[in-house]
Amino acid sequence: MALKSRLLAIHAYDAAEMMTDAEVIEGAQAVALVEGFLGDPRAAYLHDHNARRGSFAAPIDRA
């Protein structure tokens, strides 16, 4: 997966589309952060951005 080799900014949003949390992390460590963010009942969905350029990379939704 290409995202594992990048510096990422993961943003968590609630159902009203307000950011509830955010973190910059190396892609190889992102799975634990995503699981933690999705463990927060306020988080409706996440967005993954490439941190250095700030561009949107992928949505992350609950399965």
N, C-alpha and C. Protein backbone atom coordinates (compact mmCIF):
# COMPACT_ATOMS: atom_id res chain seq x y z
N MET A 1 0.85 -1.18 0.00
CA MET A 1 0.00 0.00 0.00
C MET A 1 0.89 1.24 0.00
N ALA A 2 0.66 2.14 -0.91
CA ALA A 2 1.48 3.34 -1.06
C ALA A 2 1.41 4.26 0.15
N LEU A 3 0.31 4.26 0.87
CA LEU A 3 0.16 5.16 2.01
C LEU A 3 1.08 4.81 3.16
N LYS A 4 1.53 3.56 3.24
CA LYS A 4 2.41 3.16 4.34
C LYS A 4 3.76 3.87 4.32
N SER A 5 4.18 4.36 3.17
CA SER A 5 5.48 5.00 3.07
C SER A 5 5.41 6.53 3.13
N ARG A 6 4.25 7.07 3.49
CA ARG A 6 4.07 8.52 3.49
C ARG A 6 3.76 9.06 4.87
N LEU A 7 4.04 10.33 5.06
CA LEU A 7 3.62 11.04 6.26
C LEU A 7 2.16 11.44 6.03
N LEU A 8 1.28 11.04 6.93
CA LEU A 8 -0.16 11.24 6.74
C LEU A 8 -0.73 12.17 7.81
N ALA A 9 -1.78 12.85 7.45
CA ALA A 9 -2.59 13.61 8.39
C ALA A 9 -3.97 12.97 8.37
N ILE A 10 -4.37 12.38 9.48
CA ILE A 10 -5.67 11.72 9.59
C ILE A 10 -6.59 12.64 10.37
N HIS A 11 -7.76 12.93 9.80
CA HIS A 11 -8.74 13.82 10.43
C HIS A 11 -10.01 13.02 10.71
N ALA A 12 -10.56 13.17 11.90
CA ALA A 12 -11.82 12.54 12.28
C ALA A 12 -12.93 13.59 12.27
N TYR A 13 -14.09 13.23 11.74
CA TYR A 13 -15.23 14.15 11.64
C TYR A 13 -16.47 13.51 12.25
N ASP A 14 -17.33 14.35 12.83
CA ASP A 14 -18.59 13.85 13.37
C ASP A 14 -19.68 13.92 12.29
N ALA A 15 -20.87 13.52 12.65
CA ALA A 15 -21.98 13.48 11.69
C ALA A 15 -22.35 14.86 11.16
N ALA A 16 -22.01 15.91 11.89
CA ALA A 16 -22.27 17.29 11.44
C ALA A 16 -21.10 17.85 10.62
N GLU A 17 -20.15 16.98 10.28
CA GLU A 17 -18.98 17.32 9.46
C GLU A 17 -18.02 18.28 10.16
N MET A 18 -18.00 18.22 11.50
CA MET A 18 -17.06 19.01 12.30
C MET A 18 -15.90 18.11 12.70
N MET A 19 -14.68 18.62 12.58
CA MET A 19 -13.51 17.83 12.95
C MET A 19 -13.49 17.62 14.46
N THR A 20 -13.34 16.37 14.87
CA THR A 20 -13.30 16.04 16.29
C THR A 20 -11.88 15.71 16.76
N ASP A 21 -11.01 15.33 15.84
CA ASP A 21 -9.63 14.99 16.19
C ASP A 21 -8.79 14.98 14.93
N ALA A 22 -7.48 15.06 15.09
CA ALA A 22 -6.56 15.01 13.95
C ALA A 22 -5.17 14.67 14.46
N GLU A 23 -4.40 14.02 13.62
CA GLU A 23 -3.03 13.66 14.00
C GLU A 23 -2.19 13.50 12.74
N VAL A 24 -0.92 13.83 12.84
CA VAL A 24 0.05 13.57 11.77
C VAL A 24 0.86 12.35 12.20
N ILE A 25 0.99 11.37 11.30
CA ILE A 25 1.63 10.11 11.66
C ILE A 25 2.27 9.47 10.44
N GLU A 26 3.31 8.69 10.67
CA GLU A 26 3.90 7.91 9.59
C GLU A 26 2.88 6.85 9.16
N GLY A 27 2.75 6.65 7.87
CA GLY A 27 1.77 5.73 7.33
C GLY A 27 1.84 4.33 7.89
N ALA A 28 3.04 3.85 8.19
CA ALA A 28 3.20 2.50 8.73
C ALA A 28 2.53 2.35 10.09
N GLN A 29 2.31 3.45 10.81
CA GLN A 29 1.67 3.41 12.12
C GLN A 29 0.19 3.80 12.07
N ALA A 30 -0.34 4.04 10.90
CA ALA A 30 -1.68 4.60 10.77
C ALA A 30 -2.81 3.68 11.20
N VAL A 31 -2.65 2.38 11.08
CA VAL A 31 -3.74 1.46 11.40
C VAL A 31 -4.19 1.64 12.85
N ALA A 32 -3.26 1.70 13.78
CA ALA A 32 -3.63 1.86 15.20
C ALA A 32 -4.34 3.18 15.44
N LEU A 33 -3.88 4.25 14.79
CA LEU A 33 -4.52 5.55 14.95
C LEU A 33 -5.95 5.52 14.39
N VAL A 34 -6.12 4.95 13.22
CA VAL A 34 -7.45 4.85 12.60
C VAL A 34 -8.39 4.05 13.51
N GLU A 35 -7.92 2.94 14.03
CA GLU A 35 -8.76 2.15 14.93
C GLU A 35 -9.15 2.95 16.17
N GLY A 36 -8.20 3.72 16.71
CA GLY A 36 -8.50 4.55 17.87
C GLY A 36 -9.51 5.64 17.55
N PHE A 37 -9.33 6.32 16.44
CA PHE A 37 -10.28 7.37 16.04
C PHE A 37 -11.68 6.78 15.82
N LEU A 38 -11.76 5.64 15.16
CA LEU A 38 -13.07 5.03 14.90
C LEU A 38 -13.67 4.42 16.16
N GLY A 39 -12.87 4.23 17.20
CA GLY A 39 -13.39 3.78 18.49
C GLY A 39 -14.10 4.88 19.25
N ASP A 40 -13.92 6.12 18.82
CA ASP A 40 -14.60 7.26 19.44
C ASP A 40 -16.01 7.33 18.85
N PRO A 41 -17.05 7.21 19.65
CA PRO A 41 -18.42 7.21 19.11
C PRO A 41 -18.80 8.51 18.39
N ARG A 42 -18.07 9.61 18.65
CA ARG A 42 -18.36 10.86 17.94
C ARG A 42 -17.93 10.80 16.48
N ALA A 43 -16.94 9.99 16.16
CA ALA A 43 -16.37 9.96 14.81
C ALA A 43 -17.30 9.22 13.84
N ALA A 44 -17.78 9.95 12.85
CA ALA A 44 -18.63 9.36 11.82
C ALA A 44 -17.79 8.83 10.66
N TYR A 45 -16.68 9.50 10.36
CA TYR A 45 -15.80 9.10 9.27
C TYR A 45 -14.46 9.81 9.42
N LEU A 46 -13.48 9.34 8.67
CA LEU A 46 -12.14 9.92 8.69
C LEU A 46 -11.73 10.33 7.30
N HIS A 47 -10.82 11.26 7.23
CA HIS A 47 -10.16 11.62 5.96
C HIS A 47 -8.67 11.46 6.15
N ASP A 48 -8.03 10.93 5.12
CA ASP A 48 -6.60 10.74 5.09
C ASP A 48 -6.02 11.73 4.09
N HIS A 49 -5.04 12.51 4.54
CA HIS A 49 -4.37 13.49 3.68
C HIS A 49 -2.88 13.20 3.67
N ASN A 50 -2.23 13.48 2.57
CA ASN A 50 -0.77 13.47 2.53
C ASN A 50 -0.32 14.71 3.28
N ALA A 51 0.40 14.54 4.37
CA ALA A 51 0.72 15.65 5.26
C ALA A 51 1.64 16.69 4.63
N ARG A 52 2.61 16.26 3.85
CA ARG A 52 3.57 17.22 3.32
C ARG A 52 2.96 18.15 2.29
N ARG A 53 2.13 17.65 1.43
CA ARG A 53 1.48 18.49 0.43
C ARG A 53 0.06 18.84 0.83
N GLY A 54 -0.47 18.15 1.84
CA GLY A 54 -1.80 18.46 2.33
C GLY A 54 -2.95 18.03 1.45
N SER A 55 -2.65 17.26 0.42
CA SER A 55 -3.72 16.87 -0.49
C SER A 55 -4.49 15.66 0.03
N PHE A 56 -5.77 15.63 -0.29
CA PHE A 56 -6.66 14.54 0.12
C PHE A 56 -6.17 13.25 -0.52
N ALA A 57 -6.12 12.18 0.27
CA ALA A 57 -5.67 10.89 -0.26
C ALA A 57 -6.80 9.87 -0.31
N ALA A 58 -7.59 9.76 0.79
CA ALA A 58 -8.61 8.72 0.80
C ALA A 58 -9.60 8.95 1.93
N PRO A 59 -10.87 8.55 1.72
CA PRO A 59 -11.83 8.54 2.83
C PRO A 59 -11.65 7.25 3.61
N ILE A 60 -11.98 7.28 4.88
CA ILE A 60 -11.95 6.06 5.71
C ILE A 60 -13.28 5.99 6.42
N ASP A 61 -14.04 4.94 6.13
CA ASP A 61 -15.36 4.76 6.73
C ASP A 61 -15.38 3.46 7.54
N ARG A 62 -16.32 3.38 8.44
CA ARG A 62 -16.53 2.12 9.17
C ARG A 62 -17.04 1.08 8.19
N ALA A 63 -16.65 -0.16 8.44
CA ALA A 63 -17.10 -1.27 7.58
C ALA A 63 -18.55 -1.61 7.89
